[in-house]
């Protein structure tokens, strides 16, 4: 036992109540209360376990691995599975080459992708660049026509109703069906292929842009009308920021379709291009080169799409 001195307000010291210092074990009452608390926690845990078993939920929470680890592992697993299936199929017989043979041929081809031994014997790099040039020209012309036309159709109901049956009729037509018309009009293979790219890239941009314009809230346009804003101000301040996500979706769809179509068009028209290169390698019975071209086409298409995704994020509003 000890006494603690306390100082009073008048300056004199006083002795406070005696504070006992514990030297023995816990009080029996405290020990009993502790046992009751442990029993209550155990009872609640059993009740939660029974409830979880009854509802079918797991008795534990699974810890998820971080995305930076899961996504690369998923991609790697997918590639390994793809190559494994490819190897199994190639060993069953037939003309499909094994992954090792394709890899050796790819190393040889990509070691000099820009060689040129004449107009019909050029490296895969020149063929890809020629196809990208045609896609760029046809897609650019389609964007110059399709995006403004989509704004007009979205803003004016009369023009939209007038163009709807024409678009609905021509949009399902196969892009290659337009190739003979292009050859008839332009009398040459290269502008005919660009014409096919232009036609097939036009519809997604028109439709998505028009839909985006119609999704703009009418209240915004009413406020612009009250403020007596010009049509150019309405376009730059209201329509364009609101329509940009729809417009970029149309652009992405158009680029994908354009890159898909140019390969088929070049197979029919000939000349320098990745589609003609595929057909020429088929005539030479070099199947491993065809597989290399297929992978190249897929990688280029993926890069084009990712570039447009980055562009859309760069110029997104909101």
Protein backbone atom coordinates (compact mmCIF):
# COMPACT_ATOMS: atom_id res chain seq x y z
CA UNK A 1 0.00 0.00 0.00
CA UNK A 2 1.26 3.53 -0.76
CA UNK A 3 -0.12 7.06 -0.51
CA UNK A 4 0.01 9.62 -3.34
CA UNK A 5 0.58 13.29 -2.40
CA UNK A 6 -1.79 15.77 -4.06
CA UNK A 7 -1.44 19.53 -4.21
CA UNK A 8 -4.42 21.59 -3.08
CA UNK A 9 -5.51 24.87 -4.58
CA UNK A 10 -4.36 26.83 -1.48
CA UNK A 11 -0.81 25.58 -2.01
CA UNK A 12 -0.75 23.04 0.83
CA UNK A 13 -0.12 19.41 0.21
CA UNK A 14 -2.60 16.73 1.10
CA UNK A 15 -2.58 13.01 1.10
CA UNK A 16 -4.93 11.35 -1.35
CA UNK A 17 -6.68 8.10 -0.93
CA UNK A 18 -4.49 5.11 -0.54
CA UNK A 19 -3.99 3.21 -3.81
CA UNK A 20 -3.38 -0.49 -3.27
CA UNK A 21 -0.68 -2.12 -5.38
CA UNK A 22 -1.66 -5.58 -6.65
CA UNK A 23 0.72 -8.25 -5.55
CA UNK A 24 -1.55 -11.28 -5.78
CA UNK A 25 -3.41 -13.00 -8.66
CA UNK A 26 -6.56 -11.71 -10.43
CA UNK A 27 -9.72 -11.28 -8.47
CA UNK A 28 -12.09 -14.30 -8.66
CA UNK A 29 -14.88 -12.10 -10.03
CA UNK A 30 -12.65 -10.81 -12.88
CA UNK A 31 -11.60 -14.36 -13.72
CA UNK A 32 -15.25 -15.43 -13.89
CA UNK A 33 -16.15 -12.48 -16.18
CA UNK A 34 -13.24 -13.34 -18.47
CA UNK A 35 -14.44 -16.94 -18.78
CA UNK A 36 -17.94 -15.72 -19.60
CA UNK A 37 -16.56 -13.42 -22.34
CA UNK A 38 -14.53 -16.28 -23.86
CA UNK A 39 -17.62 -18.49 -23.82
CA UNK A 40 -19.69 -15.78 -25.51
CA UNK A 41 -17.07 -15.34 -28.28
CA UNK A 42 -16.98 -19.08 -28.83
CA UNK A 43 -20.77 -19.22 -29.00
CA UNK A 44 -20.86 -16.41 -31.59
CA UNK A 45 -18.18 -18.11 -33.69
CA UNK A 46 -20.16 -21.37 -33.69
CA UNK A 47 -23.33 -19.50 -34.64
CA UNK A 48 -21.54 -17.76 -37.54
CA UNK A 49 -20.11 -21.10 -38.69
CA UNK A 50 -23.54 -22.74 -38.63
CA UNK A 51 -25.05 -19.80 -40.54
CA UNK A 52 -22.33 -19.98 -43.19
CA UNK A 53 -22.81 -23.72 -43.61
CA UNK A 54 -26.56 -23.24 -43.95
CA UNK A 55 -26.23 -20.52 -46.59
CA UNK A 56 -23.54 -22.34 -48.56
CA UNK A 57 -21.02 -19.50 -48.29
CA UNK A 58 -17.32 -20.26 -47.72
CA UNK A 59 -16.05 -20.22 -44.14
CA UNK A 60 -13.04 -18.14 -45.10
CA UNK A 61 -12.27 -15.18 -47.35
CA UNK A 62 -9.95 -15.97 -50.23
CA UNK A 63 -7.10 -13.52 -50.70
CA UNK A 64 -6.81 -12.46 -54.33
CA UNK A 65 -3.43 -12.15 -56.00
CA UNK A 66 -2.53 -8.69 -57.33
CA UNK A 67 -3.53 -7.85 -60.91
CA UNK A 68 0.05 -7.09 -61.95
CA UNK A 69 0.85 -10.74 -61.28
CA UNK A 70 -2.37 -12.43 -62.40
CA UNK A 71 -2.70 -10.80 -65.83
CA UNK A 72 0.80 -11.63 -67.13
CA UNK A 73 0.44 -15.18 -65.83
CA UNK A 74 -2.94 -15.50 -67.58
CA UNK A 75 -1.48 -14.24 -70.86
CA UNK A 76 1.48 -16.60 -70.56
CA UNK A 77 -0.80 -19.54 -69.77
CA UNK A 78 -2.96 -18.75 -72.79
CA UNK A 79 0.05 -18.62 -75.10
CA UNK A 80 1.45 -21.87 -73.72
CA UNK A 81 -1.92 -23.58 -74.17
CA UNK A 82 -2.22 -22.25 -77.73
CA UNK A 83 1.25 -23.46 -78.70
CA UNK A 84 0.61 -26.81 -77.01
CA UNK A 85 -2.62 -27.40 -78.95
CA UNK A 86 -0.89 -26.29 -82.15
CA UNK A 87 1.93 -28.79 -81.56
CA UNK A 88 -0.51 -31.63 -80.87
CA UNK A 89 -2.48 -30.89 -84.03
CA UNK A 90 0.66 -30.66 -86.16
CA UNK A 91 1.88 -34.04 -84.91
CA UNK A 92 -1.38 -35.73 -86.00
CA UNK A 93 -0.34 -35.46 -89.63
CA UNK A 94 -1.31 -33.15 -92.47
CA UNK A 95 0.54 -30.13 -93.80
CA UNK A 96 0.37 -27.92 -90.70
CA UNK A 97 3.98 -27.15 -89.70
CA UNK A 98 5.16 -27.41 -86.13
CA UNK A 99 5.80 -24.27 -84.05
CA UNK A 100 9.55 -24.83 -84.22
CA UNK A 101 9.59 -24.76 -88.03
CA UNK A 102 7.47 -21.60 -88.06
CA UNK A 103 9.81 -19.96 -85.56
CA UNK A 104 12.88 -20.74 -87.69
CA UNK A 105 11.16 -19.36 -90.78
CA UNK A 106 10.06 -16.24 -88.88
CA UNK A 107 13.64 -15.56 -87.73
CA UNK A 108 14.81 -15.79 -91.33
CA UNK A 109 12.00 -13.57 -92.68
CA UNK A 110 12.26 -10.87 -90.03
CA UNK A 111 16.04 -10.76 -90.24
CA UNK A 112 15.62 -8.84 -93.52
CA UNK A 113 11.99 -7.63 -93.79
CA UNK A 114 12.69 -4.80 -96.24
CA UNK A 115 14.58 -6.50 -99.04
CA UNK A 116 13.48 -5.77 -102.61
CA UNK A 117 14.24 -7.98 -105.59
CA UNK A 118 11.63 -6.61 -107.94
CA UNK A 119 7.99 -5.50 -107.84
CA UNK A 120 6.70 -8.99 -107.03
CA UNK A 121 9.48 -10.10 -104.68
CA UNK A 122 9.71 -7.83 -101.64
CA UNK A 123 10.08 -8.37 -97.92
CA UNK A 124 7.18 -8.67 -95.54
CA UNK A 125 7.89 -5.21 -94.18
CA UNK A 126 7.23 -3.51 -97.52
CA UNK A 127 4.05 -5.55 -97.96
CA UNK A 128 2.73 -4.50 -94.54
CA UNK A 129 3.54 -0.84 -95.23
CA UNK A 130 1.76 -0.99 -98.61
CA UNK A 131 -1.35 -2.42 -96.96
CA UNK A 132 -1.22 0.21 -94.22
CA UNK A 133 -0.96 2.94 -96.85
CA UNK A 134 -4.12 1.74 -98.58
CA UNK A 135 -5.92 1.39 -95.26
CA UNK A 136 -4.82 4.89 -94.23
CA UNK A 137 -6.04 6.53 -97.43
CA UNK A 138 -9.37 4.70 -97.54
CA UNK A 139 -10.01 5.14 -93.83
CA UNK A 140 -9.06 8.82 -93.94
CA UNK A 141 -11.49 9.51 -96.78
CA UNK A 142 -14.21 7.60 -94.95
CA UNK A 143 -13.61 9.67 -91.80
CA UNK A 144 -13.81 12.93 -93.77
CA UNK A 145 -17.18 11.88 -95.17
CA UNK A 146 -18.68 9.66 -92.46
CA UNK A 147 -18.16 11.74 -89.31
CA UNK A 148 -19.68 15.01 -90.65
CA UNK A 149 -22.49 13.03 -92.26
CA UNK A 150 -23.16 11.33 -88.92
CA UNK A 151 -23.47 14.74 -87.22
CA UNK A 152 -25.92 15.89 -89.90
CA UNK A 153 -28.04 12.75 -89.63
CA UNK A 154 -28.04 12.97 -85.86
CA UNK A 155 -29.11 16.61 -85.83
CA UNK A 156 -31.72 16.52 -88.57
CA UNK A 157 -34.50 13.95 -88.31
CA UNK A 158 -35.61 14.50 -91.92
CA UNK A 159 -32.18 13.65 -93.36
CA UNK A 160 -31.90 10.71 -90.97
CA UNK A 161 -35.20 9.23 -92.14
CA UNK A 162 -34.18 9.84 -95.74
CA UNK A 163 -30.83 8.06 -95.39
CA UNK A 164 -31.97 5.23 -93.09
CA UNK A 165 -33.26 2.83 -95.80
CA UNK A 166 -30.17 3.39 -97.97
CA UNK A 167 -27.78 2.70 -95.08
CA UNK A 168 -29.81 -0.30 -93.94
CA UNK A 169 -29.70 -1.77 -97.44
CA UNK A 170 -26.02 -1.16 -98.23
CA UNK A 171 -24.44 -1.81 -94.83
CA UNK A 172 -24.88 -5.65 -94.85
CA UNK A 173 -23.31 -5.96 -98.32
CA UNK A 174 -20.01 -7.82 -98.25
CA UNK A 175 -17.09 -5.43 -98.79
CA UNK A 176 -15.63 -7.64 -101.53
CA UNK A 177 -18.86 -7.25 -103.51
CA UNK A 178 -17.82 -3.62 -104.09
CA UNK A 179 -14.48 -4.63 -105.62
CA UNK A 180 -15.77 -5.24 -109.18
CA UNK A 181 -17.45 -1.82 -109.09
CA UNK A 182 -14.14 -0.27 -108.05
CA UNK A 183 -12.27 -2.06 -110.84
CA UNK A 184 -14.91 -0.93 -113.34
CA UNK A 185 -14.75 2.71 -112.27
CA UNK A 186 -11.03 3.19 -111.58
CA UNK A 187 -9.58 0.71 -114.10
CA UNK A 188 -6.76 -0.16 -111.66
CA UNK A 189 -6.30 -2.48 -108.70
CA UNK A 190 -4.78 -0.05 -106.19
CA UNK A 191 -7.56 2.61 -106.24
CA UNK A 192 -10.16 -0.17 -106.35
CA UNK A 193 -8.79 -1.60 -103.08
CA UNK A 194 -8.82 1.88 -101.52
CA UNK A 195 -12.40 2.31 -102.70
CA UNK A 196 -13.41 -0.94 -100.95
CA UNK A 197 -11.74 0.28 -97.73
CA UNK A 198 -13.62 3.57 -98.03
CA UNK A 199 -16.99 1.85 -98.41
CA UNK A 200 -16.57 -0.64 -95.57
CA UNK A 201 -15.17 2.01 -93.17
CA UNK A 202 -17.98 4.47 -93.85
CA UNK A 203 -20.94 2.79 -92.11
CA UNK A 204 -19.60 2.35 -88.54
CA UNK A 205 -18.55 6.00 -88.34
CA UNK A 206 -21.85 7.31 -89.71
CA UNK A 207 -24.00 5.16 -87.44
CA UNK A 208 -22.03 5.63 -84.21
CA UNK A 209 -21.67 9.37 -84.69
CA UNK A 210 -25.38 9.79 -85.41
CA UNK A 211 -26.31 7.71 -82.36
CA UNK A 212 -23.99 9.81 -80.21
CA UNK A 213 -25.61 13.04 -81.39
CA UNK A 214 -29.06 11.70 -80.54
CA UNK A 215 -27.87 10.76 -77.04
CA UNK A 216 -27.09 14.37 -76.17
CA UNK A 217 -29.63 15.52 -73.51
CA UNK A 218 -32.27 17.80 -74.97
CA UNK A 219 -31.88 20.13 -71.99
CA UNK A 220 -28.39 21.07 -73.18
CA UNK A 221 -29.71 22.00 -76.61
CA UNK A 222 -32.60 23.94 -75.07
CA UNK A 223 -30.17 25.98 -72.99
CA UNK A 224 -28.07 26.66 -76.08
CA UNK A 225 -31.21 27.84 -77.87
CA UNK A 226 -32.11 30.13 -74.95
CA UNK A 227 -28.60 31.58 -74.94
CA UNK A 228 -28.88 32.07 -78.71
CA UNK A 229 -25.66 30.16 -79.39
CA UNK A 230 -24.53 29.73 -82.96
CA UNK A 231 -24.50 26.32 -84.58
CA UNK A 232 -20.71 26.31 -84.45
CA UNK A 233 -20.77 27.05 -80.70
CA UNK A 234 -23.31 24.27 -80.16
CA UNK A 235 -21.05 21.90 -82.08
CA UNK A 236 -17.80 22.79 -80.29
CA UNK A 237 -19.15 23.29 -76.76
CA UNK A 238 -21.92 20.67 -76.55
CA UNK A 239 -22.07 18.16 -79.38
CA UNK A 240 -18.41 17.33 -79.95
CA UNK A 241 -17.49 16.64 -76.30
CA UNK A 242 -20.61 14.50 -75.85
CA UNK A 243 -20.29 12.62 -79.14
CA UNK A 244 -16.54 11.97 -78.95
CA UNK A 245 -16.80 8.54 -77.16
CA UNK A 246 -19.35 7.30 -79.71
CA UNK A 247 -17.27 8.68 -82.56
CA UNK A 248 -14.10 6.94 -81.33
CA UNK A 249 -16.01 3.67 -81.07
CA UNK A 250 -17.00 4.03 -84.71
CA UNK A 251 -13.40 4.81 -85.65
CA UNK A 252 -12.14 1.70 -83.86
CA UNK A 253 -14.72 -0.49 -85.59
CA UNK A 254 -13.89 1.06 -88.96
CA UNK A 255 -10.15 0.48 -88.61
CA UNK A 256 -10.72 -3.14 -87.63
CA UNK A 257 -12.98 -3.75 -90.60
CA UNK A 258 -10.61 -1.92 -92.96
CA UNK A 259 -7.61 -3.99 -91.91
CA UNK A 260 -9.71 -7.14 -92.24
CA UNK A 261 -10.92 -6.28 -95.74
CA UNK A 262 -7.63 -5.10 -97.25
CA UNK A 263 -6.12 -8.57 -96.85
CA UNK A 264 -8.94 -10.18 -98.81
CA UNK A 265 -8.98 -7.40 -101.41
CA UNK A 266 -5.24 -7.71 -102.04
CA UNK A 267 -5.59 -11.44 -102.56
CA UNK A 268 -7.87 -10.67 -105.49
CA UNK A 269 -6.17 -7.58 -106.91
CA UNK A 270 -2.51 -8.60 -106.54
CA UNK A 271 0.41 -6.19 -106.34
CA UNK A 272 2.41 -5.40 -103.21
CA UNK A 273 0.55 -6.00 -99.95
CA UNK A 274 0.26 -8.46 -97.12
CA UNK A 275 -2.80 -10.07 -98.69
CA UNK A 276 -0.98 -10.67 -101.97
CA UNK A 277 2.04 -11.95 -100.01
CA UNK A 278 -0.17 -14.55 -98.31
CA UNK A 279 -1.61 -15.69 -101.63
CA UNK A 280 1.83 -15.81 -103.24
CA UNK A 281 3.19 -17.96 -100.42
CA UNK A 282 0.22 -20.29 -100.81
CA UNK A 283 1.03 -20.69 -104.49
CA UNK A 284 4.58 -21.58 -103.42
CA UNK A 285 3.17 -24.06 -100.82
CA UNK A 286 5.05 -22.36 -97.96
CA UNK A 287 2.51 -22.90 -95.20
CA UNK A 288 4.85 -21.71 -92.47
CA UNK A 289 5.09 -18.33 -94.24
CA UNK A 290 1.29 -18.13 -94.32
CA UNK A 291 1.16 -18.69 -90.55
CA UNK A 292 3.78 -15.97 -90.09
CA UNK A 293 1.65 -13.62 -92.17
CA UNK A 294 -1.45 -14.46 -90.12
CA UNK A 295 0.38 -13.66 -86.89
CA UNK A 296 1.74 -10.45 -88.42
CA UNK A 297 -1.72 -9.35 -89.52
CA UNK A 298 -3.08 -10.00 -86.03
CA UNK A 299 -0.26 -8.10 -84.31
CA UNK A 300 -0.62 -5.09 -86.63
CA UNK A 301 -4.39 -5.04 -86.10
CA UNK A 302 -3.89 -5.20 -82.32
CA UNK A 303 -1.42 -2.31 -82.43
CA UNK A 304 -3.83 -0.20 -84.49
CA UNK A 305 -6.65 -0.80 -82.04
CA UNK A 306 -4.49 -0.05 -78.99
CA UNK A 307 -3.24 3.16 -80.61
CA UNK A 308 -6.84 4.31 -81.09
CA UNK A 309 -7.66 3.39 -77.48
CA UNK A 310 -4.79 5.58 -76.27
CA UNK A 311 -5.94 8.34 -78.59
CA UNK A 312 -9.48 8.13 -77.23
CA UNK A 313 -8.19 8.36 -73.65
CA UNK A 314 -6.03 11.33 -74.57
CA UNK A 315 -8.90 13.33 -76.01
CA UNK A 316 -11.69 12.07 -73.75
CA UNK A 317 -13.86 14.58 -71.93
CA UNK A 318 -15.11 14.20 -68.40
